[in-house]
Amino acid sequence: MHSSTSASVRSARFRWRVVDVVVASVVGVAAGVIFWAWGQAWTPLSTGLAFLPGLEGLLSGGWLFAGVLGGLIIRKPGAALYTEIVAAVVSMAVGTQWGFLTFVWGVLEGVGAEIGFAILLYANWRLIGALVSGAFAGLSTAVLDTNFSSVAAYEIGPRTVYFVSAIVSGILLSGLVSWLIVRALAATGALDRFAAGREARAADTA
């Protein structure tokens, strides 16, 4: 009986509510617009990092935060993947130079972010959880970019720099920044219907 009750509680905790779908969608749409803007800024930003070939991988996290942010807010399996896909679709619909590949990358980057939360059994939503999810999202784009984009034509040295830089970017721009955004949103009361908001506000008032 105890085992059955525990399973029911766990199932209820992971069950999506209407508000979860709505908020994850809103986050995804907003992130998609940012993704598009980040794509427009790619050329000037990457040019500024050209002094070390491959260092432009530090910009990768700008396309990864949607999944981590969605996961941290919703705290349900699939939230990171769903939010990243919505963001990728919106970015693609607005118009990017990468076309349909934006969607493909978004799916796989969302899977990466999702794996980060899954490894921690969807039980760690603190900073470490955000950083781990960001790291796996960064790893996914590092693998994709160094094998299936123009980066694949780089020599081994610059490719290695890109690979490492993308993971670092995932940890910082995706993981750390998403965690800070959740705390900022929680402080306004915008996330009071979510555990993420209630916990952050409780910690700040403790």
N, C-alpha and C. Protein backbone atom coordinates (compact mmCIF):
# COMPACT_ATOMS: atom_id res chain seq x y z
N MET A 1 0.83 -1.20 0.00
CA MET A 1 0.00 0.00 0.00
C MET A 1 0.86 1.25 0.00
N HIS A 2 1.92 1.24 0.83
CA HIS A 2 2.81 2.40 0.91
C HIS A 2 3.48 2.65 -0.44
N SER A 3 3.91 1.57 -1.10
CA SER A 3 4.56 1.70 -2.40
C SER A 3 3.60 2.29 -3.43
N SER A 4 2.33 1.85 -3.38
CA SER A 4 1.32 2.35 -4.30
C SER A 4 1.07 3.84 -4.08
N THR A 5 1.02 4.23 -2.81
CA THR A 5 0.80 5.64 -2.48
C THR A 5 1.95 6.51 -2.96
N SER A 6 3.19 6.02 -2.77
CA SER A 6 4.37 6.76 -3.21
C SER A 6 4.37 6.93 -4.71
N ALA A 7 3.97 5.88 -5.41
CA ALA A 7 3.93 5.94 -6.88
C ALA A 7 2.89 6.95 -7.34
N SER A 8 1.76 7.00 -6.64
CA SER A 8 0.69 7.93 -7.00
C SER A 8 1.14 9.38 -6.78
N VAL A 9 1.84 9.61 -5.66
CA VAL A 9 2.33 10.95 -5.36
C VAL A 9 3.34 11.39 -6.41
N ARG A 10 4.23 10.47 -6.77
CA ARG A 10 5.25 10.78 -7.78
C ARG A 10 4.61 11.07 -9.12
N SER A 11 3.59 10.26 -9.47
CA SER A 11 2.89 10.46 -10.74
C SER A 11 2.20 11.81 -10.78
N ALA A 12 1.57 12.19 -9.67
CA ALA A 12 0.89 13.47 -9.59
C ALA A 12 1.89 14.63 -9.70
N ARG A 13 3.06 14.45 -9.09
CA ARG A 13 4.07 15.50 -9.11
C ARG A 13 4.59 15.74 -10.51
N PHE A 14 4.62 14.69 -11.33
CA PHE A 14 5.15 14.81 -12.68
C PHE A 14 4.06 15.04 -13.73
N ARG A 15 2.80 15.10 -13.30
CA ARG A 15 1.71 15.30 -14.25
C ARG A 15 1.61 16.76 -14.66
N TRP A 16 1.54 17.01 -15.95
CA TRP A 16 1.48 18.37 -16.44
C TRP A 16 0.10 18.98 -16.19
N ARG A 17 0.07 20.24 -15.75
CA ARG A 17 -1.16 21.00 -15.59
C ARG A 17 -1.31 21.93 -16.80
N VAL A 18 -2.50 22.48 -16.95
CA VAL A 18 -2.71 23.43 -18.05
C VAL A 18 -1.76 24.61 -17.91
N VAL A 19 -1.56 25.10 -16.68
CA VAL A 19 -0.68 26.24 -16.47
C VAL A 19 0.77 25.90 -16.83
N ASP A 20 1.15 24.64 -16.67
CA ASP A 20 2.50 24.22 -17.06
C ASP A 20 2.69 24.37 -18.57
N VAL A 21 1.70 23.89 -19.32
CA VAL A 21 1.78 23.96 -20.78
C VAL A 21 1.80 25.41 -21.24
N VAL A 22 0.93 26.23 -20.63
CA VAL A 22 0.84 27.64 -21.03
C VAL A 22 2.15 28.37 -20.76
N VAL A 23 2.68 28.21 -19.55
CA VAL A 23 3.90 28.92 -19.18
C VAL A 23 5.10 28.41 -19.98
N ALA A 24 5.20 27.10 -20.16
CA ALA A 24 6.30 26.55 -20.96
C ALA A 24 6.24 27.08 -22.39
N SER A 25 5.03 27.22 -22.91
CA SER A 25 4.86 27.74 -24.27
C SER A 25 5.27 29.21 -24.34
N VAL A 26 4.86 29.99 -23.35
CA VAL A 26 5.20 31.41 -23.32
C VAL A 26 6.72 31.58 -23.23
N VAL A 27 7.35 30.79 -22.36
CA VAL A 27 8.80 30.85 -22.22
C VAL A 27 9.47 30.47 -23.55
N GLY A 28 8.94 29.44 -24.19
CA GLY A 28 9.50 29.00 -25.46
C GLY A 28 9.39 30.06 -26.54
N VAL A 29 8.23 30.71 -26.62
CA VAL A 29 8.04 31.76 -27.63
C VAL A 29 8.97 32.93 -27.38
N ALA A 30 9.05 33.38 -26.13
CA ALA A 30 9.93 34.50 -25.80
C ALA A 30 11.38 34.15 -26.10
N ALA A 31 11.78 32.92 -25.74
CA ALA A 31 13.15 32.47 -26.00
C ALA A 31 13.41 32.38 -27.50
N GLY A 32 12.39 31.98 -28.26
CA GLY A 32 12.55 31.87 -29.71
C GLY A 32 12.88 33.20 -30.35
N VAL A 33 12.25 34.26 -29.87
CA VAL A 33 12.54 35.61 -30.37
C VAL A 33 13.99 35.99 -30.03
N ILE A 34 14.39 35.64 -28.81
CA ILE A 34 15.77 35.92 -28.39
C ILE A 34 16.75 35.10 -29.24
N PHE A 35 16.39 33.84 -29.52
CA PHE A 35 17.22 33.00 -30.38
C PHE A 35 17.44 33.69 -31.73
N TRP A 36 16.34 34.21 -32.29
CA TRP A 36 16.43 34.87 -33.59
C TRP A 36 17.38 36.08 -33.51
N ALA A 37 17.21 36.89 -32.47
CA ALA A 37 18.06 38.06 -32.30
C ALA A 37 19.52 37.66 -32.11
N TRP A 38 19.73 36.58 -31.37
CA TRP A 38 21.09 36.07 -31.14
C TRP A 38 21.71 35.63 -32.46
N GLY A 39 20.90 35.05 -33.33
CA GLY A 39 21.39 34.64 -34.64
C GLY A 39 21.82 35.84 -35.48
N GLN A 40 21.06 36.94 -35.36
CA GLN A 40 21.42 38.15 -36.09
C GLN A 40 22.73 38.73 -35.58
N ALA A 41 22.99 38.53 -34.30
CA ALA A 41 24.21 39.08 -33.70
C ALA A 41 25.41 38.14 -33.85
N TRP A 42 25.17 36.94 -34.39
CA TRP A 42 26.22 35.93 -34.46
C TRP A 42 27.46 36.42 -35.20
N THR A 43 27.27 37.00 -36.38
CA THR A 43 28.43 37.41 -37.19
C THR A 43 29.31 38.45 -36.49
N PRO A 44 28.76 39.56 -36.01
CA PRO A 44 29.64 40.53 -35.33
C PRO A 44 30.26 39.98 -34.05
N LEU A 45 29.49 39.18 -33.31
CA LEU A 45 30.03 38.63 -32.06
C LEU A 45 31.13 37.62 -32.33
N SER A 46 30.91 36.75 -33.30
CA SER A 46 31.93 35.74 -33.61
C SER A 46 33.18 36.38 -34.20
N THR A 47 32.99 37.47 -34.93
CA THR A 47 34.14 38.18 -35.48
C THR A 47 35.02 38.73 -34.36
N GLY A 48 34.39 39.16 -33.29
CA GLY A 48 35.14 39.68 -32.15
C GLY A 48 35.94 38.61 -31.42
N LEU A 49 35.58 37.35 -31.66
CA LEU A 49 36.30 36.24 -31.01
C LEU A 49 37.25 35.54 -31.97
N ALA A 50 37.41 36.10 -33.15
CA ALA A 50 38.21 35.45 -34.20
C ALA A 50 39.70 35.38 -33.88
N PHE A 51 40.14 36.07 -32.83
CA PHE A 51 41.57 36.02 -32.49
C PHE A 51 42.00 34.62 -32.07
N LEU A 52 41.04 33.77 -31.67
CA LEU A 52 41.33 32.37 -31.35
C LEU A 52 40.28 31.51 -32.04
N PRO A 53 40.62 30.93 -33.19
CA PRO A 53 39.66 30.11 -33.94
C PRO A 53 39.02 29.03 -33.06
N GLY A 54 37.70 28.98 -33.11
CA GLY A 54 36.96 28.02 -32.31
C GLY A 54 36.35 28.63 -31.07
N LEU A 55 36.84 29.80 -30.67
CA LEU A 55 36.35 30.43 -29.45
C LEU A 55 34.91 30.91 -29.59
N GLU A 56 34.42 30.99 -30.83
CA GLU A 56 33.04 31.40 -31.03
C GLU A 56 32.05 30.40 -30.44
N GLY A 57 32.55 29.24 -30.04
CA GLY A 57 31.71 28.28 -29.34
C GLY A 57 31.14 28.85 -28.05
N LEU A 58 31.79 29.89 -27.53
CA LEU A 58 31.30 30.54 -26.31
C LEU A 58 29.93 31.19 -26.52
N LEU A 59 29.55 31.37 -27.77
CA LEU A 59 28.26 31.99 -28.07
C LEU A 59 27.12 30.97 -28.11
N SER A 60 27.45 29.70 -28.10
CA SER A 60 26.44 28.64 -28.27
C SER A 60 25.34 28.67 -27.22
N GLY A 61 25.69 29.03 -25.99
CA GLY A 61 24.72 29.02 -24.91
C GLY A 61 23.54 29.94 -25.14
N GLY A 62 23.70 30.92 -26.04
CA GLY A 62 22.60 31.82 -26.35
C GLY A 62 21.43 31.12 -26.99
N TRP A 63 21.63 29.91 -27.51
CA TRP A 63 20.54 29.13 -28.10
C TRP A 63 20.14 27.93 -27.23
N LEU A 64 20.66 27.87 -26.03
CA LEU A 64 20.43 26.69 -25.20
C LEU A 64 19.60 26.94 -23.95
N PHE A 65 19.44 28.20 -23.58
CA PHE A 65 18.85 28.49 -22.27
C PHE A 65 17.37 28.14 -22.16
N ALA A 66 16.65 28.08 -23.29
CA ALA A 66 15.21 27.84 -23.24
C ALA A 66 14.89 26.52 -22.54
N GLY A 67 15.63 25.47 -22.89
CA GLY A 67 15.38 24.16 -22.30
C GLY A 67 15.66 24.14 -20.81
N VAL A 68 16.78 24.71 -20.42
CA VAL A 68 17.13 24.74 -19.00
C VAL A 68 16.14 25.58 -18.22
N LEU A 69 15.78 26.74 -18.75
CA LEU A 69 14.84 27.63 -18.08
C LEU A 69 13.47 26.97 -17.94
N GLY A 70 13.00 26.35 -19.01
CA GLY A 70 11.71 25.66 -18.95
C GLY A 70 11.72 24.53 -17.93
N GLY A 71 12.82 23.79 -17.90
CA GLY A 71 12.92 22.69 -16.94
C GLY A 71 12.92 23.18 -15.51
N LEU A 72 13.64 24.26 -15.24
CA LEU A 72 13.73 24.80 -13.88
C LEU A 72 12.39 25.34 -13.39
N ILE A 73 11.60 25.89 -14.30
CA ILE A 73 10.30 26.45 -13.90
C ILE A 73 9.24 25.36 -13.76
N ILE A 74 9.10 24.52 -14.77
CA ILE A 74 8.03 23.52 -14.79
C ILE A 74 8.32 22.31 -13.91
N ARG A 75 9.57 21.89 -13.88
CA ARG A 75 10.01 20.76 -13.05
C ARG A 75 9.27 19.46 -13.37
N LYS A 76 9.06 19.21 -14.63
CA LYS A 76 8.40 17.98 -15.07
C LYS A 76 9.21 17.36 -16.20
N PRO A 77 9.23 16.03 -16.29
CA PRO A 77 9.91 15.39 -17.42
C PRO A 77 9.34 15.91 -18.73
N GLY A 78 10.20 16.23 -19.65
CA GLY A 78 9.78 16.72 -20.95
C GLY A 78 9.73 18.23 -21.07
N ALA A 79 9.80 18.93 -19.95
CA ALA A 79 9.68 20.40 -19.98
C ALA A 79 10.85 21.05 -20.71
N ALA A 80 12.05 20.57 -20.45
CA ALA A 80 13.23 21.14 -21.10
C ALA A 80 13.16 20.91 -22.61
N LEU A 81 12.81 19.71 -23.02
CA LEU A 81 12.71 19.38 -24.44
C LEU A 81 11.61 20.20 -25.11
N TYR A 82 10.45 20.26 -24.48
CA TYR A 82 9.32 20.98 -25.05
C TYR A 82 9.64 22.46 -25.24
N THR A 83 10.18 23.09 -24.22
CA THR A 83 10.45 24.52 -24.29
C THR A 83 11.51 24.84 -25.34
N GLU A 84 12.54 24.01 -25.43
CA GLU A 84 13.59 24.24 -26.43
C GLU A 84 13.04 24.06 -27.84
N ILE A 85 12.15 23.09 -28.04
CA ILE A 85 11.57 22.87 -29.37
C ILE A 85 10.69 24.05 -29.76
N VAL A 86 9.87 24.53 -28.83
CA VAL A 86 9.02 25.69 -29.13
C VAL A 86 9.89 26.88 -29.53
N ALA A 87 10.95 27.11 -28.78
CA ALA A 87 11.86 28.22 -29.08
C ALA A 87 12.48 28.06 -30.46
N ALA A 88 12.89 26.86 -30.80
CA ALA A 88 13.50 26.61 -32.11
C ALA A 88 12.50 26.84 -33.24
N VAL A 89 11.27 26.38 -33.05
CA VAL A 89 10.24 26.56 -34.07
C VAL A 89 9.94 28.04 -34.28
N VAL A 90 9.82 28.80 -33.19
CA VAL A 90 9.56 30.23 -33.30
C VAL A 90 10.72 30.93 -34.01
N SER A 91 11.94 30.60 -33.62
CA SER A 91 13.11 31.19 -34.25
C SER A 91 13.14 30.88 -35.74
N MET A 92 12.82 29.66 -36.10
CA MET A 92 12.81 29.25 -37.50
C MET A 92 11.71 29.97 -38.26
N ALA A 93 10.54 30.13 -37.62
CA ALA A 93 9.41 30.79 -38.26
C ALA A 93 9.68 32.27 -38.52
N VAL A 94 10.35 32.92 -37.57
CA VAL A 94 10.69 34.33 -37.74
C VAL A 94 11.69 34.48 -38.88
N GLY A 95 12.59 33.52 -38.98
CA GLY A 95 13.56 33.53 -40.08
C GLY A 95 14.99 33.53 -39.62
N THR A 96 15.70 32.43 -39.83
CA THR A 96 17.11 32.36 -39.49
C THR A 96 17.90 31.89 -40.71
N GLN A 97 19.19 32.15 -40.68
CA GLN A 97 20.04 31.75 -41.81
C GLN A 97 20.26 30.25 -41.87
N TRP A 98 19.84 29.53 -40.82
CA TRP A 98 20.05 28.08 -40.79
C TRP A 98 18.82 27.27 -41.17
N GLY A 99 17.71 27.95 -41.40
CA GLY A 99 16.51 27.27 -41.87
C GLY A 99 16.06 26.10 -41.00
N PHE A 100 15.71 24.99 -41.65
CA PHE A 100 15.14 23.83 -40.95
C PHE A 100 16.13 23.22 -39.95
N LEU A 101 17.43 23.43 -40.18
CA LEU A 101 18.42 22.90 -39.25
C LEU A 101 18.24 23.50 -37.85
N THR A 102 17.62 24.67 -37.78
CA THR A 102 17.33 25.28 -36.48
C THR A 102 16.45 24.35 -35.65
N PHE A 103 15.47 23.75 -36.31
CA PHE A 103 14.57 22.82 -35.62
C PHE A 103 15.33 21.56 -35.20
N VAL A 104 16.14 21.01 -36.09
CA VAL A 104 16.89 19.79 -35.79
C VAL A 104 17.82 20.02 -34.60
N TRP A 105 18.56 21.11 -34.65
CA TRP A 105 19.46 21.45 -33.54
C TRP A 105 18.65 21.66 -32.25
N GLY A 106 17.50 22.32 -32.36
CA GLY A 106 16.68 22.58 -31.18
C GLY A 106 16.22 21.31 -30.51
N VAL A 107 15.80 20.34 -31.30
CA VAL A 107 15.35 19.05 -30.73
C VAL A 107 16.49 18.38 -29.98
N LEU A 108 17.65 18.28 -30.60
CA LEU A 108 18.77 17.58 -29.99
C LEU A 108 19.35 18.34 -28.80
N GLU A 109 19.33 19.67 -28.86
CA GLU A 109 19.79 20.47 -27.72
C GLU A 109 18.81 20.35 -26.56
N GLY A 110 17.51 20.26 -26.89
CA GLY A 110 16.50 20.04 -25.86
C GLY A 110 16.67 18.69 -25.20
N VAL A 111 17.02 17.69 -26.00
CA VAL A 111 17.29 16.35 -25.44
C VAL A 111 18.47 16.44 -24.47
N GLY A 112 19.50 17.19 -24.86
CA GLY A 112 20.67 17.34 -24.00
C GLY A 112 20.30 17.95 -22.66
N ALA A 113 19.53 19.04 -22.69
CA ALA A 113 19.09 19.69 -21.45
C ALA A 113 18.25 18.74 -20.61
N GLU A 114 17.41 17.98 -21.28
CA GLU A 114 16.53 17.02 -20.58
C GLU A 114 17.35 15.93 -19.90
N ILE A 115 18.39 15.46 -20.58
CA ILE A 115 19.24 14.42 -19.99
C ILE A 115 19.89 14.92 -18.71
N GLY A 116 20.28 16.20 -18.70
CA GLY A 116 20.90 16.75 -17.50
C GLY A 116 19.99 16.66 -16.29
N PHE A 117 18.71 16.99 -16.47
CA PHE A 117 17.75 16.89 -15.36
C PHE A 117 17.44 15.43 -15.03
N ALA A 118 17.37 14.59 -16.07
CA ALA A 118 17.04 13.18 -15.86
C ALA A 118 18.12 12.46 -15.06
N ILE A 119 19.39 12.80 -15.33
CA ILE A 119 20.49 12.18 -14.60
C ILE A 119 20.36 12.44 -13.10
N LEU A 120 19.82 13.58 -12.76
CA LEU A 120 19.61 13.93 -11.35
C LEU A 120 18.22 13.52 -10.88
N LEU A 121 17.59 12.63 -11.68
CA LEU A 121 16.29 12.03 -11.34
C LEU A 121 15.18 13.06 -11.16
N TYR A 122 15.29 14.15 -11.86
CA TYR A 122 14.29 15.23 -11.77
C TYR A 122 14.03 15.61 -10.32
N ALA A 123 15.11 15.65 -9.55
CA ALA A 123 14.97 15.93 -8.13
C ALA A 123 15.85 17.07 -7.65
N ASN A 124 16.73 17.57 -8.51
CA ASN A 124 17.62 18.66 -8.12
C ASN A 124 17.36 19.86 -9.02
N TRP A 125 16.70 20.86 -8.47
CA TRP A 125 16.36 22.06 -9.23
C TRP A 125 17.14 23.27 -8.74
N ARG A 126 18.17 23.00 -7.97
CA ARG A 126 19.02 24.08 -7.48
C ARG A 126 20.05 24.44 -8.55
N LEU A 127 21.03 25.24 -8.17
CA LEU A 127 22.03 25.70 -9.13
C LEU A 127 22.74 24.54 -9.80
N ILE A 128 23.08 23.50 -9.04
CA ILE A 128 23.80 22.37 -9.62
C ILE A 128 22.99 21.70 -10.72
N GLY A 129 21.67 21.61 -10.52
CA GLY A 129 20.82 21.02 -11.54
C GLY A 129 20.83 21.84 -12.81
N ALA A 130 20.79 23.17 -12.66
CA ALA A 130 20.83 24.06 -13.81
C ALA A 130 22.15 23.93 -14.56
N LEU A 131 23.24 23.85 -13.82
CA LEU A 131 24.56 23.76 -14.45
C LEU A 131 24.75 22.43 -15.18
N VAL A 132 24.27 21.35 -14.57
CA VAL A 132 24.39 20.03 -15.21
C VAL A 132 23.56 19.99 -16.50
N SER A 133 22.34 20.51 -16.43
CA SER A 133 21.50 20.55 -17.62
C SER A 133 22.14 21.41 -18.70
N GLY A 134 22.68 22.57 -18.30
CA GLY A 134 23.35 23.42 -19.26
C GLY A 134 24.57 22.76 -19.88
N ALA A 135 25.30 21.99 -19.07
CA ALA A 135 26.48 21.30 -19.58
C ALA A 135 26.11 20.27 -20.64
N PHE A 136 25.05 19.53 -20.41
CA PHE A 136 24.63 18.51 -21.39
C PHE A 136 24.05 19.15 -22.64
N ALA A 137 23.36 20.28 -22.47
CA ALA A 137 22.89 21.01 -23.65
C ALA A 137 24.08 21.50 -24.45
N GLY A 138 25.10 22.02 -23.75
CA GLY A 138 26.32 22.46 -24.42
C GLY A 138 27.03 21.31 -25.11
N LEU A 139 27.05 20.16 -24.48
CA LEU A 139 27.68 18.98 -25.08
C LEU A 139 26.97 18.59 -26.36
N SER A 140 25.64 18.66 -26.35
CA SER A 140 24.88 18.27 -27.54
C SER A 140 25.21 19.17 -28.72
N THR A 141 25.25 20.48 -28.47
CA THR A 141 25.55 21.38 -29.59
C THR A 141 27.03 21.31 -29.98
N ALA A 142 27.90 20.99 -29.02
CA ALA A 142 29.32 20.82 -29.34
C ALA A 142 29.50 19.65 -30.31
N VAL A 143 28.81 18.55 -30.05
CA VAL A 143 28.90 17.38 -30.93
C VAL A 143 28.32 17.70 -32.30
N LEU A 144 27.16 18.34 -32.31
CA LEU A 144 26.51 18.68 -33.58
C LEU A 144 27.37 19.63 -34.42
N ASP A 145 27.80 20.72 -33.80
CA ASP A 145 28.51 21.75 -34.55
C ASP A 145 29.86 21.29 -35.07
N THR A 146 30.57 20.51 -34.27
CA THR A 146 31.91 20.09 -34.69
C THR A 146 31.90 18.93 -35.67
N ASN A 147 30.70 18.39 -35.93
CA ASN A 147 30.60 17.28 -36.87
C ASN A 147 29.71 17.56 -38.08
N PHE A 148 28.73 18.46 -37.91
CA PHE A 148 27.74 18.64 -38.97
C PHE A 148 27.52 20.10 -39.37
N SER A 149 28.43 20.98 -39.01
CA SER A 149 28.32 22.37 -39.43
C SER A 149 29.65 22.80 -40.05
N SER A 150 29.78 24.07 -40.37
CA SER A 150 31.02 24.57 -40.96
C SER A 150 32.21 24.38 -40.02
N VAL A 151 31.94 24.23 -38.73
CA VAL A 151 33.01 24.02 -37.75
C VAL A 151 33.72 22.70 -38.01
N ALA A 152 33.03 21.76 -38.64
CA ALA A 152 33.61 20.45 -38.92
C ALA A 152 34.82 20.56 -39.84
N ALA A 153 34.92 21.66 -40.58
CA ALA A 153 36.04 21.85 -41.50
C ALA A 153 37.27 22.41 -40.80
N TYR A 154 37.14 22.79 -39.53
CA TYR A 154 38.27 23.33 -38.80
C TYR A 154 39.32 22.23 -38.56
N GLU A 155 40.55 22.64 -38.32
CA GLU A 155 41.57 21.68 -37.92
C GLU A 155 41.27 21.24 -36.50
N ILE A 156 41.93 20.19 -36.06
CA ILE A 156 41.61 19.57 -34.77
C ILE A 156 41.73 20.55 -33.61
N GLY A 157 42.72 21.46 -33.66
CA GLY A 157 42.91 22.41 -32.58
C GLY A 157 41.72 23.34 -32.39
N PRO A 158 41.33 24.08 -33.43
CA PRO A 158 40.16 24.95 -33.32
C PRO A 158 38.86 24.19 -33.02
N ARG A 159 38.75 22.98 -33.57
CA ARG A 159 37.55 22.19 -33.27
C ARG A 159 37.49 21.84 -31.79
N THR A 160 38.63 21.52 -31.22
CA THR A 160 38.68 21.21 -29.78
C THR A 160 38.33 22.44 -28.96
N VAL A 161 38.86 23.60 -29.37
CA VAL A 161 38.55 24.84 -28.67
C VAL A 161 37.05 25.11 -28.73
N TYR A 162 36.47 24.90 -29.91
CA TYR A 162 35.03 25.10 -30.07
C TYR A 162 34.24 24.15 -29.19
N PHE A 163 34.64 22.90 -29.18
CA PHE A 163 33.94 21.86 -28.41
C PHE A 163 33.89 22.24 -26.93
N VAL A 164 35.05 22.57 -26.39
CA VAL A 164 35.14 22.93 -24.97
C VAL A 164 34.38 24.23 -24.70
N SER A 165 34.54 25.20 -25.59
CA SER A 165 33.88 26.49 -25.42
C SER A 165 32.36 26.35 -25.41
N ALA A 166 31.83 25.47 -26.26
CA ALA A 166 30.39 25.27 -26.32
C ALA A 166 29.85 24.70 -25.01
N ILE A 167 30.59 23.79 -24.42
CA ILE A 167 30.16 23.21 -23.14
C ILE A 167 30.21 24.26 -22.03
N VAL A 168 31.30 25.04 -22.01
CA VAL A 168 31.43 26.12 -21.02
C VAL A 168 30.28 27.11 -21.19
N SER A 169 29.96 27.43 -22.44
CA SER A 169 28.87 28.35 -22.72
C SER A 169 27.54 27.78 -22.24
N GLY A 170 27.36 26.48 -22.44
CA GLY A 170 26.14 25.84 -21.96
C GLY A 170 26.00 25.95 -20.45
N ILE A 171 27.11 25.77 -19.76
CA ILE A 171 27.09 25.85 -18.30
C ILE A 171 26.78 27.26 -17.83
N LEU A 172 27.41 28.26 -18.47
CA LEU A 172 27.28 29.64 -18.00
C LEU A 172 26.07 30.36 -18.60
N LEU A 173 26.01 30.49 -19.93
CA LEU A 173 24.92 31.23 -20.56
C LEU A 173 23.58 30.52 -20.46
N SER A 174 23.61 29.20 -20.43
CA SER A 174 22.37 28.44 -20.35
C SER A 174 22.04 28.06 -18.91
N GLY A 175 22.98 27.43 -18.22
CA GLY A 175 22.71 26.97 -16.86
C GLY A 175 22.64 28.08 -15.83
N LEU A 176 23.73 28.81 -15.66
CA LEU A 176 23.79 29.85 -14.64
C LEU A 176 22.79 30.97 -14.91
N VAL A 177 22.74 31.45 -16.14
CA VAL A 177 21.83 32.55 -16.46
C VAL A 177 20.38 32.14 -16.26
N SER A 178 20.02 30.92 -16.66
CA SER A 178 18.64 30.45 -16.47
C SER A 178 18.28 30.39 -14.99
N TRP A 179 19.21 29.92 -14.18
CA TRP A 179 18.97 29.87 -12.73
C TRP A 179 18.76 31.27 -12.16
N LEU A 180 19.55 32.23 -12.63
CA LEU A 180 19.40 33.62 -12.17
C LEU A 180 18.07 34.21 -12.64
N ILE A 181 17.65 33.86 -13.85
CA ILE A 181 16.37 34.36 -14.36
C ILE A 181 15.22 33.83 -13.50
N VAL A 182 15.27 32.55 -13.14
CA VAL A 182 14.22 31.97 -12.30
C VAL A 182 14.15 32.71 -10.97
N ARG A 183 15.28 32.97 -10.37
CA ARG A 183 15.29 33.69 -9.10
C ARG A 183 14.74 35.11 -9.25
N ALA A 184 15.08 35.76 -10.36
CA ALA A 184 14.58 37.12 -10.59
C ALA A 184 13.06 37.11 -10.80
N LEU A 185 12.56 36.14 -11.56
CA LEU A 185 11.13 36.03 -11.79
C LEU A 185 10.40 35.70 -10.49
N ALA A 186 11.00 34.81 -9.69
CA ALA A 186 10.38 34.42 -8.43
C ALA A 186 10.25 35.61 -7.49
N ALA A 187 11.23 36.48 -7.51
CA ALA A 187 11.22 37.66 -6.63
C ALA A 187 10.05 38.58 -6.94
N THR A 188 9.55 38.54 -8.18
CA THR A 188 8.44 39.39 -8.56
C THR A 188 7.09 38.76 -8.24
N GLY A 189 7.10 37.47 -7.89
CA GLY A 189 5.86 36.76 -7.62
C GLY A 189 5.27 36.11 -8.85
N ALA A 190 5.95 36.24 -9.99
CA ALA A 190 5.43 35.71 -11.25
C ALA A 190 5.36 34.19 -11.27
N LEU A 191 6.14 33.54 -10.39
CA LEU A 191 6.19 32.07 -10.40
C LEU A 191 5.55 31.47 -9.15
N ASP A 192 4.67 32.20 -8.51
CA ASP A 192 4.08 31.71 -7.26
C ASP A 192 3.24 30.45 -7.43
N ARG A 193 2.79 30.16 -8.63
CA ARG A 193 2.02 28.93 -8.88
C ARG A 193 2.92 27.73 -9.13
N PHE A 194 4.23 27.97 -9.02
CA PHE A 194 5.20 26.90 -9.25
C PHE A 194 6.09 26.75 -8.03
N ALA A 195 6.54 25.52 -7.81
CA ALA A 195 7.44 25.26 -6.69
C ALA A 195 8.70 26.10 -6.80
N ALA A 196 9.15 26.33 -8.03
CA ALA A 196 10.37 27.12 -8.24
C ALA A 196 10.22 28.51 -7.65
N GLY A 197 9.06 29.11 -7.82
CA GLY A 197 8.83 30.45 -7.29
C GLY A 197 8.68 30.47 -5.79
N ARG A 198 7.92 29.52 -5.27
CA ARG A 198 7.69 29.48 -3.83
C ARG A 198 8.97 29.21 -3.07
N GLU A 199 9.79 28.29 -3.58
CA GLU A 199 11.04 27.96 -2.90
C GLU A 199 12.02 29.11 -2.93
N ALA A 200 12.13 29.78 -4.05
CA ALA A 200 13.06 30.90 -4.17
C ALA A 200 12.65 32.04 -3.24
N ARG A 201 11.36 32.33 -3.18
CA ARG A 201 10.89 33.41 -2.30
C ARG A 201 11.08 33.05 -0.84
N ALA A 202 10.88 31.78 -0.51
CA ALA A 202 11.08 31.33 0.88
C ALA A 202 12.55 31.45 1.27
N ALA A 203 13.43 31.10 0.33
CA ALA A 203 14.87 31.18 0.62
C ALA A 203 15.31 32.63 0.82
N ASP A 204 14.71 33.54 0.03
CA ASP A 204 15.09 34.95 0.13
C ASP A 204 14.58 35.60 1.42
N THR A 205 13.48 35.05 1.97
CA THR A 205 12.91 35.65 3.17
C THR A 205 13.34 34.93 4.44
N ALA A 206 14.08 33.82 4.27
CA ALA A 206 14.52 33.05 5.44
C ALA A 206 15.58 33.79 6.24
